[in-house]
Amino acid sequence: QDAIMENIQTRLYEFTNNAFWNMAAGADWPRLLGTPGTKQEITLTCRSLILQSFGVTAVNSISAAFNSTTRRLSLSYNINTIYTSNLSVQLQLNIAKIWGG
């Protein structure tokens, strides 16, 4: 179970450009954050990344919120894995590195 959770977190780090080993994997955050109505795109992308992670069988729910002051993406999601059902996770992802902060 822990390996599945670490894999998800690593994939989300890549998405937020916080993975020095794969900086090209991240999203175009300046475009996303500068365009109205992209919350759904961010949420759907995170959902897809989680669902494609080894051991995840379903994403039951997901919500995302971005705080422009702290430049943090807050994710809350509930998933089923090959080991358990209804696993709830809350994760804070820093995307400040995009602007050098």
Protein backbone atom coordinates (compact mmCIF):
# COMPACT_ATOMS: atom_id res chain seq x y z
CA GLN A 1 0.00 0.00 0.00
CA ASP A 2 2.82 2.41 0.88
CA ALA A 3 4.52 1.78 -2.47
CA ILE A 4 1.31 2.64 -4.32
CA MET A 5 0.98 5.88 -2.36
CA GLU A 6 4.63 6.81 -3.01
CA ASN A 7 4.17 6.12 -6.72
CA ILE A 8 1.15 8.42 -6.86
CA GLN A 9 2.98 11.15 -4.98
CA THR A 10 5.99 10.87 -7.32
CA ARG A 11 3.76 11.17 -10.38
CA LEU A 12 2.09 14.25 -8.91
CA TYR A 13 5.50 15.78 -8.11
CA GLU A 14 6.41 15.35 -11.77
CA PHE A 15 3.15 17.03 -12.78
CA THR A 16 3.92 20.04 -10.54
CA ASN A 17 7.50 20.35 -11.86
CA ASN A 18 9.00 19.32 -8.51
CA ALA A 19 10.87 16.31 -9.87
CA PHE A 20 14.48 17.14 -10.73
CA TRP A 21 14.79 13.78 -12.50
CA ASN A 22 12.05 14.61 -15.01
CA MET A 23 11.48 18.35 -15.32
CA ALA A 24 9.99 17.95 -18.81
CA ALA A 25 7.06 15.92 -17.43
CA GLY A 26 5.37 18.85 -15.72
CA ALA A 27 2.38 20.90 -16.74
CA ASP A 28 2.55 24.31 -18.38
CA TRP A 29 1.69 26.04 -15.10
CA PRO A 30 2.04 29.66 -16.26
CA ARG A 31 -0.57 28.92 -18.95
CA LEU A 32 -2.82 26.92 -16.63
CA LEU A 33 -2.80 29.48 -13.85
CA GLY A 34 -3.17 32.43 -16.17
CA THR A 35 -6.22 31.04 -17.95
CA PRO A 36 -9.68 31.16 -16.36
CA GLY A 37 -11.50 27.85 -15.96
CA THR A 38 -8.47 25.57 -15.78
CA LYS A 39 -9.33 24.10 -12.39
CA GLN A 40 -11.24 21.33 -14.17
CA GLU A 41 -8.26 20.60 -16.44
CA ILE A 42 -5.92 20.37 -13.43
CA THR A 43 -8.35 18.11 -11.58
CA LEU A 44 -8.88 15.81 -14.58
CA THR A 45 -5.14 15.56 -15.21
CA CYS A 46 -4.46 14.67 -11.57
CA ARG A 47 -7.28 12.11 -11.70
CA SER A 48 -5.74 10.54 -14.81
CA LEU A 49 -2.26 10.42 -13.25
CA ILE A 50 -3.61 8.75 -10.13
CA LEU A 51 -5.71 6.25 -12.07
CA GLN A 52 -2.76 5.29 -14.28
CA SER A 53 -0.58 4.56 -11.24
CA PHE A 54 0.23 0.91 -10.57
CA GLY A 55 -2.14 -0.68 -8.07
CA VAL A 56 -4.90 1.92 -8.35
CA THR A 57 -8.18 0.39 -9.46
CA ALA A 58 -10.50 3.41 -9.15
CA VAL A 59 -10.59 7.09 -8.29
CA ASN A 60 -13.80 7.52 -6.33
CA SER A 61 -13.50 11.28 -5.87
CA ILE A 62 -10.99 14.08 -6.30
CA SER A 63 -10.90 17.80 -5.64
CA ALA A 64 -8.19 20.35 -6.29
CA ALA A 65 -7.64 23.89 -5.06
CA PHE A 66 -4.85 26.32 -5.86
CA ASN A 67 -3.71 29.01 -3.44
CA SER A 68 -2.06 31.79 -5.46
CA THR A 69 -0.52 33.36 -2.35
CA THR A 70 1.38 30.25 -1.23
CA ARG A 71 1.52 28.73 -4.73
CA ARG A 72 0.34 25.40 -3.42
CA LEU A 73 -1.96 22.91 -5.05
CA SER A 74 -4.13 21.11 -2.50
CA LEU A 75 -5.46 17.75 -3.59
CA SER A 76 -7.96 15.56 -1.80
CA TYR A 77 -8.79 12.23 -3.31
CA ASN A 78 -10.36 8.91 -2.44
CA ILE A 79 -9.17 5.81 -4.26
CA ASN A 80 -9.49 2.06 -4.39
CA THR A 81 -6.30 0.04 -4.72
CA ILE A 82 -5.54 -3.62 -5.16
CA TYR A 83 -5.16 -3.77 -1.37
CA THR A 84 -7.90 -1.53 0.01
CA SER A 85 -11.04 0.44 -0.77
CA ASN A 86 -11.95 4.04 0.04
CA LEU A 87 -8.46 5.27 0.89
CA SER A 88 -8.65 9.03 1.47
CA VAL A 89 -5.57 11.19 0.91
CA GLN A 90 -4.90 14.90 1.28
CA LEU A 91 -1.76 16.26 -0.33
CA GLN A 92 -0.16 19.70 -0.60
CA LEU A 93 2.04 20.23 -3.67
CA ASN A 94 4.30 23.25 -4.00
CA ILE A 95 4.50 24.70 -7.49
CA ALA A 96 6.53 27.77 -6.53
CA LYS A 97 9.68 26.40 -8.20
CA ILE A 98 8.20 27.27 -11.55
CA TRP A 99 8.79 30.94 -10.77
CA GLY A 100 12.05 30.31 -8.96
CA GLY A 101 10.48 30.79 -5.53
